[in-house]
């Protein structure tokens, strides 16, 4: 998984995800305080325990 790979590289990652029936899971994460990026994982069912308030559904 991308987040695990980044963590293995020593990148501090905070993430939140929301499940979407159309797009699978949308994961928004901030890497080292740089830019916020969005990653669409298909057909993943990733759901974060404590989603970030920045997470939004794709419509």
Protein backbone atom coordinates (compact mmCIF):
# COMPACT_ATOMS: atom_id res chain seq x y z
CA UNK A 1 0.00 0.00 0.00
CA UNK A 2 1.20 3.49 -0.83
CA UNK A 3 0.92 4.86 2.70
CA UNK A 4 2.93 1.95 4.11
CA UNK A 5 5.58 2.41 1.42
CA UNK A 6 5.86 6.09 2.31
CA UNK A 7 6.06 5.29 6.01
CA UNK A 8 8.87 2.83 5.24
CA UNK A 9 10.73 5.71 3.59
CA UNK A 10 10.40 7.78 6.75
CA UNK A 11 7.71 10.09 5.41
CA UNK A 12 5.26 11.25 8.05
CA UNK A 13 1.81 10.47 6.75
CA UNK A 14 -1.54 11.44 8.17
CA UNK A 15 -4.46 10.15 6.17
CA UNK A 16 -8.21 9.90 6.05
CA UNK A 17 -10.38 7.97 3.68
CA UNK A 18 -14.02 7.65 2.81
CA UNK A 19 -15.60 4.73 1.01
CA UNK A 20 -17.46 5.55 -2.17
CA UNK A 21 -19.61 3.06 -4.07
CA UNK A 22 -18.55 4.49 -7.43
CA UNK A 23 -14.88 5.30 -7.02
CA UNK A 24 -13.86 2.85 -4.32
CA UNK A 25 -11.89 4.64 -1.62
CA UNK A 26 -10.57 8.15 -1.84
CA UNK A 27 -7.51 8.73 0.31
CA UNK A 28 -6.23 12.21 0.95
CA UNK A 29 -2.88 12.44 2.67
CA UNK A 30 -0.32 15.05 3.47
CA UNK A 31 3.30 14.03 2.99
CA UNK A 32 5.81 15.94 5.07
CA UNK A 33 3.61 19.04 5.06
CA UNK A 34 4.14 19.49 1.31
CA UNK A 35 1.15 19.40 -1.03
CA UNK A 36 -2.04 17.52 -0.24
CA UNK A 37 -2.60 14.81 -2.79
CA UNK A 38 -5.57 12.63 -3.61
CA UNK A 39 -5.25 8.98 -4.47
CA UNK A 40 -8.16 6.94 -5.81
CA UNK A 41 -7.82 3.27 -4.91
CA UNK A 42 -9.91 0.84 -6.95
CA UNK A 43 -11.49 -1.47 -5.96
CA UNK A 44 -10.12 -0.93 -2.46
CA UNK A 45 -12.43 -0.72 0.56
CA UNK A 46 -10.08 1.36 2.69
CA UNK A 47 -11.85 3.22 5.47
CA UNK A 48 -9.89 5.20 8.03
CA UNK A 49 -10.70 4.82 11.73
CA UNK A 50 -10.67 8.59 12.21
CA UNK A 51 -11.20 10.31 8.85
CA UNK A 52 -9.64 13.70 8.37
CA UNK A 53 -12.08 16.63 8.09
CA UNK A 54 -10.44 17.35 4.72
CA UNK A 55 -11.82 14.16 3.20
CA UNK A 56 -14.61 14.74 0.73
CA UNK A 57 -16.68 12.46 -1.46
CA UNK A 58 -16.17 12.47 -5.21
CA UNK A 59 -19.33 13.15 -7.17
